[in-house]
N, C-alpha and C. Protein backbone atom coordinates (compact mmCIF):
# COMPACT_ATOMS: atom_id res chain seq x y z
N MET A 1 129.95 115.04 97.07
CA MET A 1 130.95 115.98 96.64
C MET A 1 132.32 115.41 97.02
N THR A 2 133.26 115.47 96.11
CA THR A 2 134.60 114.99 96.34
C THR A 2 135.54 116.18 96.53
N LEU A 3 136.17 116.21 97.69
CA LEU A 3 137.13 117.27 97.96
C LEU A 3 138.51 116.84 97.48
N ARG A 4 139.35 117.81 97.18
CA ARG A 4 140.72 117.53 96.75
C ARG A 4 141.68 118.51 97.42
N ALA A 5 142.91 118.11 97.55
CA ALA A 5 143.92 118.97 98.16
C ALA A 5 144.05 120.26 97.36
N GLY A 6 144.16 121.37 98.09
CA GLY A 6 144.28 122.68 97.46
C GLY A 6 142.96 123.39 97.24
N GLN A 7 141.86 122.69 97.42
CA GLN A 7 140.53 123.28 97.20
C GLN A 7 140.15 124.19 98.36
N ARG A 8 139.50 125.31 98.05
CA ARG A 8 138.98 126.22 99.07
C ARG A 8 137.63 125.70 99.53
N VAL A 9 137.42 125.69 100.85
CA VAL A 9 136.17 125.22 101.44
C VAL A 9 135.75 126.13 102.57
N VAL A 10 134.50 126.01 102.98
CA VAL A 10 133.99 126.68 104.18
C VAL A 10 133.23 125.65 105.00
N LEU A 11 133.18 125.89 106.31
CA LEU A 11 132.40 125.01 107.19
C LEU A 11 130.92 125.17 106.89
N ALA A 12 130.21 124.06 106.81
CA ALA A 12 128.79 124.10 106.52
C ALA A 12 127.97 124.38 107.78
N ALA A 13 128.53 124.12 108.95
CA ALA A 13 127.80 124.33 110.21
C ALA A 13 128.80 124.71 111.30
N ASP A 14 128.29 125.32 112.38
CA ASP A 14 129.15 125.60 113.53
C ASP A 14 129.77 124.28 114.00
N THR A 15 131.06 124.31 114.31
CA THR A 15 131.77 123.09 114.69
C THR A 15 132.47 123.31 116.03
N ARG A 16 132.03 122.55 117.01
CA ARG A 16 132.60 122.66 118.36
C ARG A 16 133.93 121.92 118.39
N LEU A 17 134.98 122.58 118.86
CA LEU A 17 136.31 121.99 118.88
C LEU A 17 136.73 121.46 120.24
N THR A 18 136.14 121.99 121.32
CA THR A 18 136.52 121.54 122.66
C THR A 18 135.27 121.27 123.49
N ASP A 19 135.48 120.54 124.56
CA ASP A 19 134.44 120.41 125.57
C ASP A 19 134.39 121.72 126.35
N SER A 20 133.47 121.80 127.26
CA SER A 20 133.38 123.00 128.10
C SER A 20 134.69 123.22 128.84
N VAL A 21 135.09 124.49 128.94
CA VAL A 21 136.32 124.85 129.63
C VAL A 21 135.95 125.46 130.97
N GLU A 22 136.57 124.93 132.04
CA GLU A 22 136.32 125.45 133.38
C GLU A 22 137.61 126.00 133.95
N VAL A 23 137.51 127.12 134.64
CA VAL A 23 138.65 127.70 135.35
C VAL A 23 138.22 127.88 136.79
N SER A 24 138.92 127.22 137.70
CA SER A 24 138.61 127.27 139.14
C SER A 24 137.15 126.92 139.40
N GLY A 25 136.64 125.92 138.66
CA GLY A 25 135.28 125.47 138.86
C GLY A 25 134.21 126.33 138.21
N VAL A 26 134.62 127.38 137.50
CA VAL A 26 133.66 128.27 136.83
C VAL A 26 133.69 127.96 135.34
N LEU A 27 132.51 127.73 134.78
CA LEU A 27 132.41 127.45 133.35
C LEU A 27 132.74 128.72 132.57
N VAL A 28 133.77 128.64 131.74
CA VAL A 28 134.21 129.78 130.95
C VAL A 28 133.58 129.74 129.57
N GLY A 29 133.45 128.56 129.00
CA GLY A 29 132.87 128.41 127.67
C GLY A 29 133.48 127.25 126.94
N PHE A 30 133.44 127.30 125.62
CA PHE A 30 134.06 126.27 124.79
C PHE A 30 134.49 126.93 123.48
N LEU A 31 135.35 126.25 122.77
CA LEU A 31 135.89 126.78 121.52
C LEU A 31 135.19 126.12 120.35
N SER A 32 134.72 126.94 119.41
CA SER A 32 134.13 126.41 118.20
C SER A 32 134.45 127.32 117.03
N LEU A 33 134.31 126.78 115.84
CA LEU A 33 134.48 127.55 114.61
C LEU A 33 133.10 127.77 114.01
N ALA A 34 132.87 128.97 113.54
CA ALA A 34 131.56 129.33 113.01
C ALA A 34 131.36 128.80 111.59
N ALA A 35 130.11 128.50 111.26
CA ALA A 35 129.76 128.13 109.89
C ALA A 35 130.23 129.25 108.97
N GLY A 36 130.77 128.88 107.83
CA GLY A 36 131.25 129.87 106.88
C GLY A 36 132.72 130.20 107.03
N THR A 37 133.38 129.65 108.07
CA THR A 37 134.81 129.87 108.23
C THR A 37 135.54 129.19 107.07
N GLY A 38 136.37 129.94 106.38
CA GLY A 38 137.02 129.42 105.18
C GLY A 38 138.41 128.90 105.43
N GLY A 39 138.82 127.99 104.55
CA GLY A 39 140.16 127.43 104.63
C GLY A 39 140.49 126.67 103.37
N THR A 40 141.62 126.00 103.40
CA THR A 40 142.10 125.25 102.25
C THR A 40 142.34 123.80 102.65
N VAL A 41 141.86 122.87 101.83
CA VAL A 41 142.07 121.45 102.08
C VAL A 41 143.54 121.13 101.85
N GLU A 42 144.18 120.55 102.86
CA GLU A 42 145.59 120.17 102.73
C GLU A 42 145.75 118.69 102.39
N GLN A 43 144.81 117.87 102.89
CA GLN A 43 144.94 116.43 102.69
C GLN A 43 143.56 115.80 102.68
N VAL A 44 143.37 114.81 101.83
CA VAL A 44 142.13 114.03 101.77
C VAL A 44 142.51 112.57 101.98
N VAL A 45 141.84 111.91 102.92
CA VAL A 45 142.12 110.51 103.22
C VAL A 45 140.85 109.71 103.01
N ASP A 46 140.92 108.74 102.11
CA ASP A 46 139.80 107.84 101.84
C ASP A 46 140.01 106.58 102.69
N HIS A 47 139.12 106.35 103.62
CA HIS A 47 139.24 105.21 104.54
C HIS A 47 138.47 104.02 103.98
N GLN A 48 139.20 103.05 103.50
CA GLN A 48 138.58 101.82 103.03
C GLN A 48 138.58 100.83 104.18
N ASP A 49 137.40 100.45 104.60
CA ASP A 49 137.27 99.52 105.72
C ASP A 49 136.94 98.13 105.19
N GLU A 50 137.79 97.61 104.30
CA GLU A 50 137.56 96.28 103.74
C GLU A 50 137.98 95.22 104.75
N SER A 51 137.09 94.29 104.97
CA SER A 51 137.42 93.17 105.84
C SER A 51 138.11 92.10 105.01
N ASP A 52 138.62 91.09 105.69
CA ASP A 52 139.22 89.96 104.97
C ASP A 52 138.19 89.27 104.08
N ASP A 53 136.94 89.18 104.57
CA ASP A 53 135.88 88.55 103.78
C ASP A 53 135.59 89.32 102.50
N VAL A 54 135.63 90.64 102.56
CA VAL A 54 135.39 91.46 101.37
C VAL A 54 136.51 91.26 100.36
N ARG A 55 137.74 91.27 100.82
CA ARG A 55 138.86 91.04 99.90
C ARG A 55 138.80 89.64 99.29
N GLU A 56 138.44 88.67 100.09
CA GLU A 56 138.34 87.29 99.60
C GLU A 56 137.20 87.16 98.59
N TYR A 57 136.07 87.82 98.86
CA TYR A 57 134.97 87.81 97.90
C TYR A 57 135.42 88.38 96.56
N GLU A 58 136.09 89.53 96.59
CA GLU A 58 136.55 90.16 95.35
C GLU A 58 137.48 89.24 94.59
N ARG A 59 138.40 88.58 95.30
CA ARG A 59 139.36 87.69 94.66
C ARG A 59 138.67 86.48 94.03
N LEU A 60 137.80 85.81 94.81
CA LEU A 60 137.13 84.61 94.31
C LEU A 60 136.12 84.92 93.21
N LYS A 61 135.40 86.02 93.33
CA LYS A 61 134.43 86.41 92.32
C LYS A 61 135.14 86.69 90.99
N SER A 62 136.27 87.36 91.06
CA SER A 62 137.06 87.63 89.86
C SER A 62 137.54 86.32 89.22
N LEU A 63 137.99 85.39 90.05
CA LEU A 63 138.42 84.08 89.56
C LEU A 63 137.26 83.34 88.90
N LEU A 64 136.10 83.36 89.54
CA LEU A 64 134.93 82.70 88.99
C LEU A 64 134.50 83.32 87.67
N ASP A 65 134.48 84.65 87.61
CA ASP A 65 134.08 85.33 86.38
C ASP A 65 135.06 85.06 85.24
N ALA A 66 136.34 85.01 85.55
CA ALA A 66 137.35 84.84 84.50
C ALA A 66 137.51 83.40 84.04
N PHE A 67 137.44 82.46 84.97
CA PHE A 67 137.76 81.07 84.62
C PHE A 67 136.66 80.06 84.95
N GLY A 68 135.53 80.53 85.45
CA GLY A 68 134.46 79.61 85.84
C GLY A 68 133.98 78.70 84.73
N GLY A 69 133.90 79.22 83.52
CA GLY A 69 133.44 78.41 82.39
C GLY A 69 134.39 77.30 82.00
N GLU A 70 135.66 77.42 82.38
CA GLU A 70 136.68 76.43 82.02
C GLU A 70 136.94 75.44 83.15
N MET A 71 136.34 75.66 84.31
CA MET A 71 136.62 74.83 85.48
C MET A 71 135.82 73.53 85.43
N PRO A 72 136.37 72.48 86.06
CA PRO A 72 135.58 71.25 86.21
C PRO A 72 134.31 71.57 87.02
N PRO A 73 133.20 70.91 86.72
CA PRO A 73 131.92 71.23 87.37
C PRO A 73 131.98 71.23 88.90
N GLU A 74 132.65 70.27 89.51
CA GLU A 74 132.69 70.21 90.98
C GLU A 74 133.50 71.38 91.56
N SER A 75 134.59 71.72 90.93
CA SER A 75 135.40 72.85 91.39
C SER A 75 134.61 74.15 91.26
N ARG A 76 133.90 74.28 90.15
CA ARG A 76 133.10 75.50 89.95
C ARG A 76 132.00 75.59 91.01
N ARG A 77 131.33 74.45 91.30
CA ARG A 77 130.27 74.44 92.30
C ARG A 77 130.81 74.87 93.66
N GLN A 78 131.99 74.34 94.06
CA GLN A 78 132.60 74.70 95.34
C GLN A 78 132.95 76.19 95.38
N LEU A 79 133.47 76.70 94.27
CA LEU A 79 133.82 78.12 94.21
C LEU A 79 132.57 78.99 94.29
N GLU A 80 131.50 78.59 93.60
CA GLU A 80 130.24 79.34 93.67
C GLU A 80 129.68 79.35 95.08
N GLU A 81 129.78 78.22 95.79
CA GLU A 81 129.30 78.15 97.18
C GLU A 81 130.10 79.10 98.09
N LYS A 82 131.43 79.10 97.88
CA LYS A 82 132.28 79.97 98.70
C LYS A 82 131.97 81.44 98.42
N VAL A 83 131.80 81.79 97.15
CA VAL A 83 131.44 83.17 96.79
C VAL A 83 130.09 83.52 97.41
N GLY A 84 129.13 82.61 97.33
CA GLY A 84 127.80 82.84 97.91
C GLY A 84 127.86 83.04 99.41
N SER A 85 128.74 82.33 100.10
CA SER A 85 128.84 82.47 101.56
C SER A 85 129.46 83.81 101.95
N LEU A 86 130.24 84.40 101.05
CA LEU A 86 130.88 85.69 101.33
C LEU A 86 130.05 86.88 100.85
N GLU A 87 128.97 86.60 100.13
CA GLU A 87 128.17 87.68 99.56
C GLU A 87 127.56 88.63 100.60
N PRO A 88 127.09 88.17 101.77
CA PRO A 88 126.56 89.12 102.76
C PRO A 88 127.59 90.17 103.18
N ALA A 89 128.85 89.77 103.36
CA ALA A 89 129.89 90.74 103.73
C ALA A 89 130.09 91.74 102.60
N TRP A 90 130.06 91.27 101.36
CA TRP A 90 130.23 92.15 100.20
C TRP A 90 129.07 93.14 100.10
N THR A 91 127.85 92.66 100.29
CA THR A 91 126.66 93.51 100.21
C THR A 91 126.71 94.58 101.30
N ALA A 92 127.08 94.20 102.51
CA ALA A 92 127.17 95.16 103.61
C ALA A 92 128.23 96.21 103.31
N PHE A 93 129.35 95.80 102.74
CA PHE A 93 130.42 96.74 102.38
C PHE A 93 129.93 97.72 101.33
N GLN A 94 129.21 97.25 100.33
CA GLN A 94 128.70 98.10 99.26
C GLN A 94 127.67 99.11 99.77
N GLU A 95 126.91 98.74 100.80
CA GLU A 95 125.86 99.62 101.32
C GLU A 95 126.40 100.72 102.22
N ARG A 96 127.58 100.50 102.78
CA ARG A 96 128.19 101.53 103.63
C ARG A 96 128.70 102.67 102.77
N ALA A 97 128.43 103.87 103.22
CA ALA A 97 128.96 105.03 102.51
C ALA A 97 130.46 105.11 102.78
N PRO A 98 131.25 105.42 101.77
CA PRO A 98 132.69 105.54 102.02
C PRO A 98 132.98 106.70 102.96
N ARG A 99 133.93 106.51 103.85
CA ARG A 99 134.28 107.55 104.80
C ARG A 99 135.52 108.27 104.30
N VAL A 100 135.40 109.58 104.18
CA VAL A 100 136.50 110.41 103.73
C VAL A 100 136.75 111.47 104.79
N SER A 101 138.00 111.59 105.23
CA SER A 101 138.35 112.64 106.18
C SER A 101 139.32 113.60 105.51
N VAL A 102 139.34 114.82 106.04
CA VAL A 102 140.19 115.85 105.46
C VAL A 102 140.97 116.60 106.54
N ARG A 103 142.04 117.21 106.11
CA ARG A 103 142.81 118.13 106.94
C ARG A 103 142.66 119.49 106.28
N VAL A 104 142.11 120.46 107.03
CA VAL A 104 141.86 121.80 106.50
C VAL A 104 142.62 122.82 107.33
N ARG A 105 143.35 123.70 106.64
CA ARG A 105 144.01 124.82 107.31
C ARG A 105 143.14 126.04 107.08
N PHE A 106 142.56 126.55 108.19
CA PHE A 106 141.67 127.69 108.09
C PHE A 106 142.45 128.98 107.95
N ASP A 107 141.80 129.98 107.39
CA ASP A 107 142.44 131.28 107.18
C ASP A 107 142.87 131.92 108.50
N ASN A 108 142.22 131.56 109.60
CA ASN A 108 142.57 132.13 110.90
C ASN A 108 143.72 131.39 111.58
N GLY A 109 144.30 130.39 110.90
CA GLY A 109 145.45 129.67 111.44
C GLY A 109 145.12 128.33 112.06
N PHE A 110 143.87 128.08 112.42
CA PHE A 110 143.50 126.79 112.98
C PHE A 110 143.64 125.70 111.92
N ILE A 111 143.96 124.50 112.39
CA ILE A 111 144.02 123.34 111.52
C ILE A 111 143.06 122.31 112.10
N LEU A 112 142.19 121.79 111.27
CA LEU A 112 141.26 120.75 111.68
C LEU A 112 141.63 119.50 110.89
N ASP A 113 142.08 118.46 111.60
CA ASP A 113 142.54 117.24 110.94
C ASP A 113 141.62 116.08 111.32
N GLY A 114 141.37 115.20 110.36
CA GLY A 114 140.53 114.04 110.62
C GLY A 114 139.05 114.35 110.60
N ALA A 115 138.67 115.51 110.08
CA ALA A 115 137.26 115.90 110.03
C ALA A 115 136.57 115.19 108.87
N GLN A 116 135.30 114.85 109.06
CA GLN A 116 134.54 114.25 107.97
C GLN A 116 134.38 115.28 106.86
N ALA A 117 134.55 114.83 105.64
CA ALA A 117 134.51 115.72 104.47
C ALA A 117 133.15 116.38 104.29
N ASP A 118 132.09 115.74 104.76
CA ASP A 118 130.75 116.29 104.50
C ASP A 118 130.41 117.49 105.37
N VAL A 119 131.29 117.93 106.27
CA VAL A 119 131.02 119.16 107.03
C VAL A 119 131.54 120.39 106.31
N PHE A 120 132.11 120.20 105.13
CA PHE A 120 132.63 121.31 104.33
C PHE A 120 131.89 121.42 103.00
N VAL A 121 131.80 122.64 102.51
CA VAL A 121 131.25 122.89 101.18
C VAL A 121 132.26 123.74 100.40
N PRO A 122 132.31 123.60 99.08
CA PRO A 122 133.25 124.41 98.29
C PRO A 122 133.00 125.90 98.50
N ALA A 123 134.08 126.67 98.52
CA ALA A 123 133.98 128.12 98.70
C ALA A 123 133.67 128.78 97.38
């Protein structure tokens, strides 16, 4: 599910906001928001964790696809080897799920920023 700014959402599960709170050595409790608490998405951030190897693979693969047929055989072979050596980084990048975080302003006034998008469902 893709969230967008301005969309109404609710928490899919109880979400703990603080560690245990102690006053004078006595455990008082902790703060959490209950599942079903509604709010509005204010910001969506798509975190692309591309490494230098991933960017280089994309660049060289594009070059090979576009001009490989016109290249001298030795140059093409070297480029294919370089692309092949970067393929494991590309495969690992493709297998990772994209990480999306959101900033949600809840109806009760709380703001939760940097939360993973998958803890919310559309309202």
